[in-house]
Amino acid sequence: MPLQPVILSGGSGTRLWPLSREAYPKQFLPLTSQHTMLQETVGRLDGLAEEHPRQAIAVRDPLVVCNDAHRFLVAEQLRLMGRRAAAIVLEPKGRNTAPALTLAALVAGQSDEDPVMLVMPADHNIRDEPGFRSAVADAHALARDGAVVTFGIVPSAPETGYGYIRQGAALDRTDLIGPAYALDGFVEKPDTETAQGYLASGEYLWNSGLFVLRASVWLTLIERFRPDIAQAVTRAFESAASDGDFLRLDAELFAACPSDSIDYAVMEPLARTVRDREGGDLPPAIVIPLNVGWSDVGAWSALWAVREQDASGNVLDGDAFVHNAHDNLLVAKHRMVAAIGVDNLIVVETPDAVLIATKEAAQDVKAVTQFLQRQQREEYIHHQRVHRPWGAYESIDQGSRYQVKRLTVKPGESLSLQMHHHRAEHWIVVSGTARVTCDDKTFLLTENQSTYIPVGVTHRLENPGLIPLELIEVQSGSYLGEDDIVRFEDRYNRDPVEPRRD
């Protein structure tokens, strides 16, 4: 029975601001290695078949469920790995993990086989990947027989920021590599004293948010425990349409779906019903302990804990310097950062924002993002460098009635055929070759050449070359917002008019 990786990539990662932004959240960032967290998740099963040949597990291409706004980021990061997705399912609106997994199960269930799904958030870090794959092999064997399996993280501290899983009796399975237990129940995030008791008992594990079960089993369970979610998602799925590499849902139908997590919607009622012996027709719920250096990297303090530290406990990323300083995290993305005589600080520098906090206050970063969101500040949504499917642009300078940007257009890519009501543009080629359409004229520009696009003129910018096109764009006019775009043709099927944020 094949293994279908299901990657849930809907998180916003606001507690890792200013590096993580709404339009470019943490799963698309290289936080713990040279690869992004999404790429690490995709590659985490590489070697499973070779390491466990007796299980004969065929691993399918990943199935990714993501926010509609992140679709090109997902596709591009997979392309950079030389990988393809079985499907990229687009959520028009976030509805938590239970609807997302229901979508994945409906897609996976379209094949003749009933695959075992391995459900993984896109933003977790695991140090011991061979150990993780061994646990996956055990979970696959259990799920193949109809069980619902979750992984519980062996706790290393009385953590109050995680929910816990209570393990029951050990399973008598000689075919498994490691131990497995009946899942006796879930408990909410505890206070410090309760968490210390959990740790001392040895009966509790952190709730990882990782699940393994057959597609048909999930669809049966969601229909039983949350038929409202099952029906709403099915209606949206039946009205879905393919858009290139993406599967688009009916936005209105999906917005009507209730929001709930996998835990609350299914896992908790399943564990309770099975434990109380009221569900003789239900599959067994099983937990496998996982001790593989797992972290959800949910805050800057967690990132400090998983990164390599110097002799004084400092983590330095970028052009950073410390003197007589201990246990600090310094992230320098744009300029030098120096810390002298300070301990237990988090300093994160980006071109448009700087965060300074103690490690103990790392969870309070959400206060900043909530403020930025209320004020409708751009720093909540975008970095200074904004990614687009054709490349990226970066603001260099701006003032009254003008703005200067640096544009990078990837080889073979093209901006939409478009028009602006309120601004004119000057384009100056720095490197590469530009093909420019301006009204009914099309011409080439090379290094050090320039052109002018008047207000109200239909135009397009393309890169016909084999290297990135770099150019400087000078905008001038009465309104310079990104929503002043009317698209006539667009190879990426974006909206004809860029929506304005209220």
Protein backbone atom coordinates (compact mmCIF):
# COMPACT_ATOMS: atom_id res chain seq x y z
CA MET A 1 0.00 0.00 0.00
CA PRO A 2 1.61 3.32 -1.02
CA LEU A 3 2.50 6.11 1.38
CA GLN A 4 1.06 9.50 0.43
CA PRO A 5 2.89 12.42 2.12
CA VAL A 6 0.41 15.20 2.87
CA ILE A 7 2.05 18.53 3.66
CA LEU A 8 -0.10 21.16 5.36
CA SER A 9 1.39 24.54 4.51
CA GLY A 10 -1.20 26.95 5.81
CA GLY A 11 0.59 28.52 8.78
CA SER A 12 1.47 32.22 8.98
CA GLY A 13 4.39 31.99 11.43
CA THR A 14 3.69 35.38 13.00
CA ARG A 15 5.76 34.61 16.13
CA LEU A 16 8.87 34.63 13.90
CA TRP A 17 8.29 38.19 12.69
CA PRO A 18 10.07 40.13 11.20
CA LEU A 19 11.66 37.27 9.23
CA SER A 20 8.29 35.56 8.72
CA ARG A 21 5.57 37.66 7.07
CA GLU A 22 2.00 36.92 6.01
CA ALA A 23 2.96 36.79 2.32
CA TYR A 24 6.19 34.85 3.00
CA PRO A 25 5.78 32.81 6.21
CA LYS A 26 8.33 30.66 8.00
CA GLN A 27 7.80 27.44 6.03
CA PHE A 28 9.33 29.18 2.99
CA LEU A 29 12.43 30.35 4.89
CA PRO A 30 15.79 28.55 5.39
CA LEU A 31 15.71 28.80 9.18
CA THR A 32 17.60 25.66 10.26
CA SER A 33 19.67 24.75 7.18
CA GLN A 34 20.36 25.90 3.63
CA HIS A 35 16.97 24.49 2.64
CA THR A 36 13.62 26.01 3.52
CA MET A 37 11.41 24.29 6.07
CA LEU A 38 9.01 23.22 3.32
CA GLN A 39 11.88 21.70 1.34
CA GLU A 40 13.15 19.88 4.43
CA THR A 41 9.67 18.45 4.98
CA VAL A 42 9.45 17.26 1.37
CA GLY A 43 12.86 15.58 1.58
CA ARG A 44 12.33 14.02 5.00
CA LEU A 45 11.20 10.67 3.58
CA ASP A 46 14.10 10.31 1.13
CA GLY A 47 15.78 6.98 1.87
CA LEU A 48 12.75 5.32 3.48
CA ALA A 49 12.56 2.48 0.94
CA GLU A 50 16.33 1.82 1.06
CA GLU A 51 16.52 1.90 4.87
CA HIS A 52 13.47 -0.36 5.34
CA PRO A 53 13.32 -2.68 2.32
CA ARG A 54 11.31 -5.36 4.16
CA GLN A 55 8.36 -2.97 4.47
CA ALA A 56 8.37 -2.34 0.70
CA ILE A 57 6.85 1.12 1.08
CA ALA A 58 6.32 3.04 -2.16
CA VAL A 59 6.39 6.78 -1.41
CA ARG A 60 4.28 8.97 -3.67
CA ASP A 61 5.02 12.55 -4.67
CA PRO A 62 3.86 14.96 -1.95
CA LEU A 63 0.36 16.36 -1.86
CA VAL A 64 0.47 19.97 -0.60
CA VAL A 65 -2.45 21.94 0.82
CA CYS A 66 -1.65 25.65 1.00
CA ASN A 67 -3.06 29.15 1.00
CA ASP A 68 -4.02 30.38 -2.46
CA ALA A 69 -1.66 33.35 -2.04
CA HIS A 70 1.33 31.01 -1.51
CA ARG A 71 0.78 28.76 -4.53
CA PHE A 72 3.71 30.06 -6.57
CA LEU A 73 6.07 29.85 -3.59
CA VAL A 74 5.20 26.18 -3.11
CA ALA A 75 5.59 25.38 -6.79
CA GLU A 76 8.89 27.26 -7.09
CA GLN A 77 10.44 25.65 -4.01
CA LEU A 78 9.52 22.19 -5.28
CA ARG A 79 10.97 23.07 -8.70
CA LEU A 80 14.26 24.15 -7.10
CA MET A 81 14.45 20.69 -5.50
CA GLY A 82 13.76 18.98 -8.81
CA ARG A 83 10.54 17.59 -7.34
CA ARG A 84 6.90 17.53 -8.43
CA ALA A 85 3.77 17.52 -6.33
CA ALA A 86 1.03 14.93 -6.70
CA ALA A 87 -1.25 17.96 -6.31
CA ILE A 88 -1.14 21.48 -4.89
CA VAL A 89 -4.57 22.14 -3.38
CA LEU A 90 -5.39 25.81 -2.82
CA GLU A 91 -7.43 26.97 0.16
CA PRO A 92 -9.25 30.23 -0.69
CA LYS A 93 -9.48 30.90 3.06
CA GLY A 94 -7.82 29.24 6.04
CA ARG A 95 -10.12 26.78 7.78
CA ASN A 96 -7.62 24.96 10.03
CA THR A 97 -6.24 21.46 9.65
CA ALA A 98 -9.36 19.25 9.70
CA PRO A 99 -10.82 20.69 6.46
CA ALA A 100 -7.33 20.71 4.92
CA LEU A 101 -6.84 17.01 5.65
CA THR A 102 -10.32 16.25 4.34
CA LEU A 103 -9.36 17.91 1.06
CA ALA A 104 -6.16 15.87 0.91
CA ALA A 105 -8.03 12.63 1.59
CA LEU A 106 -10.53 13.38 -1.19
CA VAL A 107 -7.69 14.01 -3.65
CA ALA A 108 -5.69 10.96 -2.51
CA GLY A 109 -8.80 8.78 -2.64
CA GLN A 110 -9.33 9.47 -6.34
CA SER A 111 -6.82 6.76 -7.24
CA ASP A 112 -7.70 3.07 -7.32
CA GLU A 113 -5.53 2.50 -4.23
CA ASP A 114 -6.45 3.67 -0.74
CA PRO A 115 -3.09 5.16 0.28
CA VAL A 116 -1.76 5.58 3.78
CA MET A 117 -1.43 9.33 4.38
CA LEU A 118 1.46 10.76 6.39
CA VAL A 119 0.25 14.19 7.51
CA MET A 120 3.07 16.67 8.18
CA PRO A 121 2.99 20.40 8.88
CA ALA A 122 5.42 22.21 6.59
CA ASP A 123 7.20 24.08 9.39
CA HIS A 124 8.64 21.42 11.71
CA ASN A 125 12.32 20.66 12.29
CA ILE A 126 13.59 17.09 12.88
CA ARG A 127 17.28 16.44 13.52
CA ASP A 128 17.31 12.63 13.42
CA GLU A 129 15.66 11.96 10.09
CA PRO A 130 16.61 8.23 9.91
CA GLY A 131 14.95 7.79 13.31
CA PHE A 132 11.87 9.57 12.00
CA ARG A 133 11.73 7.31 8.95
CA SER A 134 11.89 4.22 11.19
CA ALA A 135 8.88 5.52 13.13
CA VAL A 136 7.08 6.21 9.83
CA ALA A 137 7.70 2.62 8.74
CA ASP A 138 6.05 1.37 11.95
CA ALA A 139 3.16 3.82 11.57
CA HIS A 140 2.64 2.70 7.97
CA ALA A 141 2.34 -0.94 9.09
CA LEU A 142 -0.25 0.00 11.72
CA ALA A 143 -2.22 2.33 9.45
CA ARG A 144 -2.20 -0.21 6.65
CA ASP A 145 -4.17 -2.47 9.01
CA GLY A 146 -6.70 0.31 9.61
CA ALA A 147 -5.34 2.08 12.70
CA VAL A 148 -5.13 5.83 13.26
CA VAL A 149 -1.59 6.68 14.35
CA THR A 150 -0.09 9.84 15.78
CA PHE A 151 3.44 10.57 16.93
CA GLY A 152 4.04 11.78 20.48
CA ILE A 153 7.26 13.64 21.18
CA VAL A 154 9.22 12.34 24.16
CA PRO A 155 9.32 15.46 26.35
CA SER A 156 12.66 16.94 27.35
CA ALA A 157 11.24 19.57 29.69
CA PRO A 158 7.97 20.47 31.47
CA GLU A 159 6.84 22.50 28.46
CA THR A 160 3.65 24.54 28.98
CA GLY A 161 3.33 25.62 25.36
CA TYR A 162 2.34 22.20 23.99
CA GLY A 163 -0.66 19.95 24.36
CA TYR A 164 0.06 16.45 25.66
CA ILE A 165 -0.90 12.88 24.72
CA ARG A 166 -1.46 10.25 27.39
CA GLN A 167 -0.23 6.82 26.33
CA GLY A 168 -2.02 3.65 27.39
CA ALA A 169 -1.11 -0.03 27.19
CA ALA A 170 1.81 -1.14 25.03
CA LEU A 171 0.98 -2.94 21.78
CA ASP A 172 2.13 -6.52 21.38
CA ARG A 173 3.50 -6.24 17.82
CA THR A 174 6.74 -8.07 17.15
CA ASP A 175 6.91 -6.76 13.59
CA LEU A 176 7.50 -3.17 14.70
CA ILE A 177 10.92 -1.53 14.96
CA GLY A 178 10.05 0.45 18.09
CA PRO A 179 7.35 0.61 20.77
CA ALA A 180 3.77 1.71 20.18
CA TYR A 181 0.94 2.33 22.63
CA ALA A 182 -2.79 2.69 22.73
CA LEU A 183 -3.72 6.38 22.67
CA ASP A 184 -5.44 7.00 25.99
CA GLY A 185 -6.32 10.66 25.49
CA PHE A 186 -5.32 14.25 24.84
CA VAL A 187 -4.84 16.93 27.46
CA GLU A 188 -4.65 20.70 27.01
CA LYS A 189 -1.60 22.85 27.57
CA PRO A 190 -0.80 22.50 31.30
CA ASP A 191 0.51 24.91 33.91
CA THR A 192 4.10 24.45 35.10
CA GLU A 193 3.28 22.22 38.09
CA THR A 194 1.05 19.93 36.00
CA ALA A 195 3.66 19.73 33.24
CA GLN A 196 6.29 18.70 35.79
CA GLY A 197 3.96 15.91 36.93
CA TYR A 198 3.49 14.76 33.33
CA LEU A 199 7.24 14.63 32.82
CA ALA A 200 7.84 12.70 36.06
CA SER A 201 5.17 10.09 35.27
CA GLY A 202 6.69 9.03 31.95
CA GLU A 203 3.17 8.48 30.60
CA TYR A 204 2.78 11.72 28.65
CA LEU A 205 4.15 12.88 25.31
CA TRP A 206 4.02 16.22 23.52
CA ASN A 207 1.39 16.42 20.81
CA SER A 208 3.33 16.66 17.54
CA GLY A 209 0.54 17.31 15.02
CA LEU A 210 1.83 14.41 12.88
CA PHE A 211 -0.66 11.72 11.83
CA VAL A 212 -0.69 8.51 9.77
CA LEU A 213 -3.90 6.87 8.49
CA ARG A 214 -5.57 5.68 5.33
CA ALA A 215 -7.49 8.21 3.25
CA SER A 216 -10.73 6.22 3.54
CA VAL A 217 -10.37 5.99 7.33
CA TRP A 218 -10.10 9.77 7.68
CA LEU A 219 -13.13 10.36 5.46
CA THR A 220 -15.16 7.90 7.54
CA LEU A 221 -14.09 9.53 10.81
CA ILE A 222 -14.69 13.13 9.73
CA GLU A 223 -18.14 12.12 8.46
CA ARG A 224 -18.92 10.52 11.83
CA PHE A 225 -17.58 13.18 14.20
CA ARG A 226 -17.93 16.35 12.08
CA PRO A 227 -20.38 15.73 9.24
CA ASP A 228 -20.76 19.49 8.77
CA ILE A 229 -17.06 19.75 7.83
CA ALA A 230 -17.20 16.63 5.66
CA GLN A 231 -20.20 17.87 3.69
CA ALA A 232 -18.94 21.45 3.25
CA VAL A 233 -15.50 20.33 2.06
CA THR A 234 -16.99 17.73 -0.29
CA ARG A 235 -19.22 20.37 -1.90
CA ALA A 236 -16.25 22.69 -2.42
CA PHE A 237 -14.11 19.84 -3.75
CA GLU A 238 -16.76 18.70 -6.23
CA SER A 239 -16.82 22.22 -7.66
CA ALA A 240 -13.00 22.47 -7.86
CA ALA A 241 -11.21 23.21 -11.12
CA SER A 242 -7.64 22.55 -12.26
CA ASP A 243 -5.46 25.60 -12.92
CA GLY A 244 -2.15 24.37 -14.29
CA ASP A 245 -0.37 22.66 -11.39
CA PHE A 246 -3.02 23.79 -8.91
CA LEU A 247 -6.45 22.60 -7.79
CA ARG A 248 -8.72 25.58 -7.11
CA LEU A 249 -11.75 25.24 -4.83
CA ASP A 250 -15.00 27.13 -5.03
CA ALA A 251 -14.22 30.05 -2.70
CA GLU A 252 -17.78 30.67 -1.55
CA LEU A 253 -18.46 27.01 -0.80
CA PHE A 254 -15.19 26.54 1.07
CA ALA A 255 -15.73 29.74 3.10
CA ALA A 256 -18.94 28.15 4.43
CA CYS A 257 -16.92 25.27 5.96
CA PRO A 258 -16.50 25.38 9.77
CA SER A 259 -12.94 25.85 11.04
CA ASP A 260 -11.48 23.15 13.31
CA SER A 261 -8.27 21.24 13.94
CA ILE A 262 -7.59 17.55 13.39
CA ASP A 263 -7.26 17.09 17.15
CA TYR A 264 -10.54 18.69 18.15
CA ALA A 265 -12.58 17.46 15.20
CA VAL A 266 -11.55 13.79 15.18
CA MET A 267 -8.60 12.66 17.32
CA GLU A 268 -9.95 13.66 20.73
CA PRO A 269 -13.45 12.24 20.24
CA LEU A 270 -11.94 9.10 18.65
CA ALA A 271 -9.57 8.50 21.58
CA ARG A 272 -12.35 9.16 24.10
CA THR A 273 -14.83 6.87 22.35
CA VAL A 274 -12.36 4.00 21.92
CA ARG A 275 -11.09 4.36 25.51
CA ASP A 276 -14.62 4.24 26.91
CA ARG A 277 -15.35 1.21 24.71
CA GLU A 278 -18.29 2.89 23.03
CA GLY A 279 -16.99 2.60 19.48
CA GLY A 280 -16.64 -1.04 18.58
CA ASP A 281 -16.77 -0.16 14.89
CA LEU A 282 -14.04 2.47 15.14
CA PRO A 283 -10.37 1.96 14.26
CA PRO A 284 -7.82 1.77 17.09
CA ALA A 285 -6.03 4.99 18.01
CA ILE A 286 -2.29 4.48 18.52
CA VAL A 287 0.61 6.71 19.55
CA ILE A 288 4.26 6.08 18.66
CA PRO A 289 6.85 7.83 20.86
CA LEU A 290 9.22 9.97 18.83
CA ASN A 291 12.62 11.00 20.18
CA VAL A 292 14.28 12.50 17.10
CA GLY A 293 15.13 16.10 18.01
CA TRP A 294 11.72 17.47 17.00
CA SER A 295 10.74 21.15 17.19
CA ASP A 296 7.87 23.12 15.72
CA VAL A 297 10.14 26.23 15.74
CA GLY A 298 7.18 28.15 17.10
CA ALA A 299 9.15 31.11 18.48
CA TRP A 300 12.58 32.74 18.28
CA SER A 301 13.63 31.01 21.50
CA ALA A 302 12.88 27.64 19.84
CA LEU A 303 15.02 28.57 16.85
CA TRP A 304 17.89 29.48 19.19
CA ALA A 305 17.54 26.04 20.81
CA VAL A 306 17.82 24.08 17.53
CA ARG A 307 20.61 26.10 15.91
CA GLU A 308 24.32 25.51 16.46
CA GLN A 309 25.67 27.67 19.28
CA ASP A 310 29.16 29.00 19.96
CA ALA A 311 31.08 28.39 23.20
CA SER A 312 29.09 31.16 24.90
CA GLY A 313 25.71 29.87 23.76
CA ASN A 314 25.25 32.50 21.05
CA VAL A 315 23.64 31.79 17.68
CA LEU A 316 24.88 34.16 14.98
CA ASP A 317 23.21 34.34 11.57
CA GLY A 318 24.67 36.79 9.07
CA ASP A 319 27.09 39.66 9.71
CA ALA A 320 26.93 39.54 13.53
CA PHE A 321 29.48 40.11 16.30
CA VAL A 322 29.33 39.49 20.05
CA HIS A 323 31.64 40.41 22.91
CA ASN A 324 31.19 39.37 26.53
CA ALA A 325 27.69 38.17 25.62
CA HIS A 326 25.95 34.87 26.28
CA ASP A 327 22.97 32.84 25.02
CA ASN A 328 21.85 35.38 22.43
CA LEU A 329 20.28 34.92 19.00
CA LEU A 330 21.47 37.52 16.47
CA VAL A 331 20.05 37.49 12.94
CA ALA A 332 21.51 40.07 10.56
CA LYS A 333 19.98 40.10 7.07
CA HIS A 334 20.90 43.58 5.80
CA ARG A 335 23.63 45.20 7.91
CA MET A 336 26.05 44.37 10.69
CA VAL A 337 24.63 43.66 14.15
CA ALA A 338 26.89 43.83 17.25
CA ALA A 339 25.96 42.87 20.82
CA ILE A 340 28.21 43.66 23.81
CA GLY A 341 27.67 42.68 27.42
CA VAL A 342 24.15 41.34 27.00
CA ASP A 343 22.62 37.94 27.68
CA ASN A 344 19.51 36.02 26.59
CA LEU A 345 18.50 38.48 23.89
CA ILE A 346 16.87 38.00 20.52
CA VAL A 347 17.90 40.56 17.90
CA VAL A 348 16.52 40.12 14.39
CA GLU A 349 17.42 42.70 11.74
CA THR A 350 15.83 42.95 8.29
CA PRO A 351 15.94 45.81 5.76
CA ASP A 352 12.66 47.32 7.03
CA ALA A 353 12.33 46.21 10.67
CA VAL A 354 14.33 45.29 13.78
CA LEU A 355 13.11 43.10 16.66
CA ILE A 356 14.73 43.15 20.11
CA ALA A 357 13.35 40.91 22.85
CA THR A 358 14.42 38.67 25.70
CA LYS A 359 14.16 34.94 25.04
CA GLU A 360 11.61 34.71 27.85
CA ALA A 361 9.33 37.14 26.00
CA ALA A 362 9.62 35.37 22.63
CA GLN A 363 5.95 34.35 22.62
CA ASP A 364 4.93 38.02 22.92
CA VAL A 365 6.12 38.86 19.39
CA LYS A 366 2.48 38.39 18.41
CA ALA A 367 1.79 41.74 20.12
CA VAL A 368 3.88 43.41 17.40
CA THR A 369 2.13 41.61 14.55
CA GLN A 370 -1.27 42.40 16.03
CA PHE A 371 -0.31 46.09 16.19
CA LEU A 372 0.94 46.08 12.59
CA GLN A 373 -2.23 44.33 11.44
CA ARG A 374 -4.47 46.87 13.19
CA GLN A 375 -2.51 49.72 11.66
CA GLN A 376 -2.59 48.05 8.21
CA ARG A 377 1.17 48.34 8.04
CA GLU A 378 2.97 46.78 5.10
CA GLU A 379 5.57 45.25 7.45
CA TYR A 380 2.97 42.71 8.59
CA ILE A 381 2.40 41.37 5.08
CA HIS A 382 5.51 41.80 2.95
CA HIS A 383 9.25 42.00 3.25
CA GLN A 384 11.03 44.84 1.50
CA ARG A 385 11.71 42.28 -1.24
CA VAL A 386 8.34 41.07 -2.53
CA HIS A 387 8.18 37.79 -4.43
CA ARG A 388 6.04 37.34 -7.52
CA PRO A 389 5.64 34.31 -9.82
CA TRP A 390 7.78 36.06 -12.45
CA GLY A 391 10.54 37.06 -9.99
CA ALA A 392 10.68 39.77 -7.33
CA TYR A 393 10.75 43.50 -6.72
CA GLU A 394 12.34 45.53 -3.97
CA SER A 395 11.67 49.12 -2.94
CA ILE A 396 14.84 51.22 -2.97
CA ASP A 397 13.46 54.71 -2.26
CA GLN A 398 10.14 56.52 -2.18
CA GLY A 399 8.73 59.94 -1.53
CA SER A 400 5.87 62.22 -2.53
CA ARG A 401 4.72 61.19 -6.02
CA TYR A 402 7.70 58.91 -6.78
CA GLN A 403 9.01 55.44 -5.97
CA VAL A 404 12.14 53.56 -7.07
CA LYS A 405 12.23 49.76 -7.28
CA ARG A 406 14.68 47.06 -8.27
CA LEU A 407 13.01 44.36 -10.41
CA THR A 408 14.33 40.85 -11.06
CA VAL A 409 12.59 38.84 -13.79
CA LYS A 410 13.47 35.15 -14.04
CA PRO A 411 14.59 33.73 -17.41
CA GLY A 412 11.65 33.00 -19.68
CA GLU A 413 9.16 34.73 -17.39
CA SER A 414 6.87 37.66 -18.07
CA LEU A 415 4.85 40.25 -16.20
CA SER A 416 1.21 40.56 -17.20
CA LEU A 417 0.02 42.73 -20.07
CA GLN A 418 -1.21 45.62 -17.94
CA MET A 419 -2.04 49.29 -17.54
CA HIS A 420 -1.88 51.85 -14.73
CA HIS A 421 -4.39 54.67 -14.25
CA HIS A 422 -2.28 56.88 -12.00
CA ARG A 423 1.42 56.34 -12.61
CA ALA A 424 4.06 56.43 -15.31
CA GLU A 425 7.19 54.26 -15.27
CA HIS A 426 10.79 54.53 -16.43
CA TRP A 427 12.70 51.25 -16.90
CA ILE A 428 16.52 51.13 -16.92
CA VAL A 429 18.15 47.75 -17.69
CA VAL A 430 21.06 46.92 -15.36
CA SER A 431 21.79 43.43 -16.71
CA GLY A 432 20.17 40.91 -19.02
CA THR A 433 17.78 41.54 -21.90
CA ALA A 434 14.25 42.95 -21.70
CA ARG A 435 11.50 42.53 -24.26
CA VAL A 436 9.14 45.48 -23.86
CA THR A 437 5.62 45.87 -25.22
CA CYS A 438 4.35 49.46 -25.17
CA ASP A 439 0.97 49.90 -26.89
CA ASP A 440 1.43 48.40 -30.37
CA LYS A 441 5.25 48.40 -30.30
CA THR A 442 7.54 45.56 -29.13
CA PHE A 443 11.31 46.04 -28.81
CA LEU A 444 14.39 44.81 -26.97
CA LEU A 445 16.47 46.64 -24.38
CA THR A 446 19.92 45.59 -23.20
CA GLU A 447 22.29 46.75 -20.47
CA ASN A 448 22.27 50.54 -19.82
CA GLN A 449 19.31 51.14 -22.15
CA SER A 450 16.00 52.56 -20.92
CA THR A 451 12.41 53.33 -21.91
CA TYR A 452 9.38 55.29 -20.69
CA ILE A 453 5.85 53.93 -20.10
CA PRO A 454 3.27 56.77 -19.97
CA VAL A 455 0.15 56.75 -17.77
CA GLY A 456 -2.71 54.71 -19.26
CA VAL A 457 -0.57 52.86 -21.81
CA THR A 458 -0.87 49.07 -22.14
CA HIS A 459 2.52 47.47 -21.56
CA ARG A 460 4.38 44.27 -20.72
CA LEU A 461 7.88 43.37 -19.54
CA GLU A 462 9.45 39.99 -20.45
CA ASN A 463 12.79 38.28 -20.03
CA PRO A 464 13.57 36.32 -23.23
CA GLY A 465 17.11 35.53 -22.12
CA LEU A 466 18.85 32.76 -20.19
CA ILE A 467 19.99 34.89 -17.23
CA PRO A 468 17.92 36.95 -14.77
CA LEU A 469 16.85 40.38 -15.99
CA GLU A 470 17.73 43.12 -13.50
CA LEU A 471 16.33 46.60 -13.96
CA ILE A 472 15.52 49.77 -12.08
CA GLU A 473 11.94 51.03 -12.24
CA VAL A 474 11.16 54.67 -11.41
CA GLN A 475 7.44 55.27 -10.82
CA SER A 476 5.92 58.74 -10.74
CA GLY A 477 2.34 59.87 -10.38
CA SER A 478 -0.51 60.76 -8.07
CA TYR A 479 -0.98 57.21 -6.69
CA LEU A 480 1.69 54.49 -6.51
CA GLY A 481 -0.11 51.61 -4.77
CA GLU A 482 0.32 48.05 -6.06
CA ASP A 483 -3.44 47.80 -6.61
CA ASP A 484 -3.25 50.33 -9.48
CA ILE A 485 -2.90 47.46 -11.96
CA VAL A 486 -5.39 46.37 -14.61
CA ARG A 487 -4.33 43.04 -16.16
CA PHE A 488 -5.38 42.17 -19.71
CA GLU A 489 -3.36 38.96 -20.12
CA ASP A 490 -1.60 36.99 -17.40
CA ARG A 491 0.07 33.60 -17.75
CA TYR A 492 -0.32 33.01 -13.99
CA ASN A 493 -4.12 33.43 -13.99
CA ARG A 494 -4.13 36.19 -11.39
CA ASP A 495 -7.10 38.49 -10.88
CA PRO A 496 -7.59 41.09 -13.66
CA VAL A 497 -7.53 43.86 -11.05
CA GLU A 498 -5.16 43.72 -8.08
CA PRO A 499 -7.36 43.86 -4.96
CA ARG A 500 -6.93 46.84 -2.68
CA ARG A 501 -6.61 46.07 1.04
CA ASP A 502 -9.26 47.85 3.12
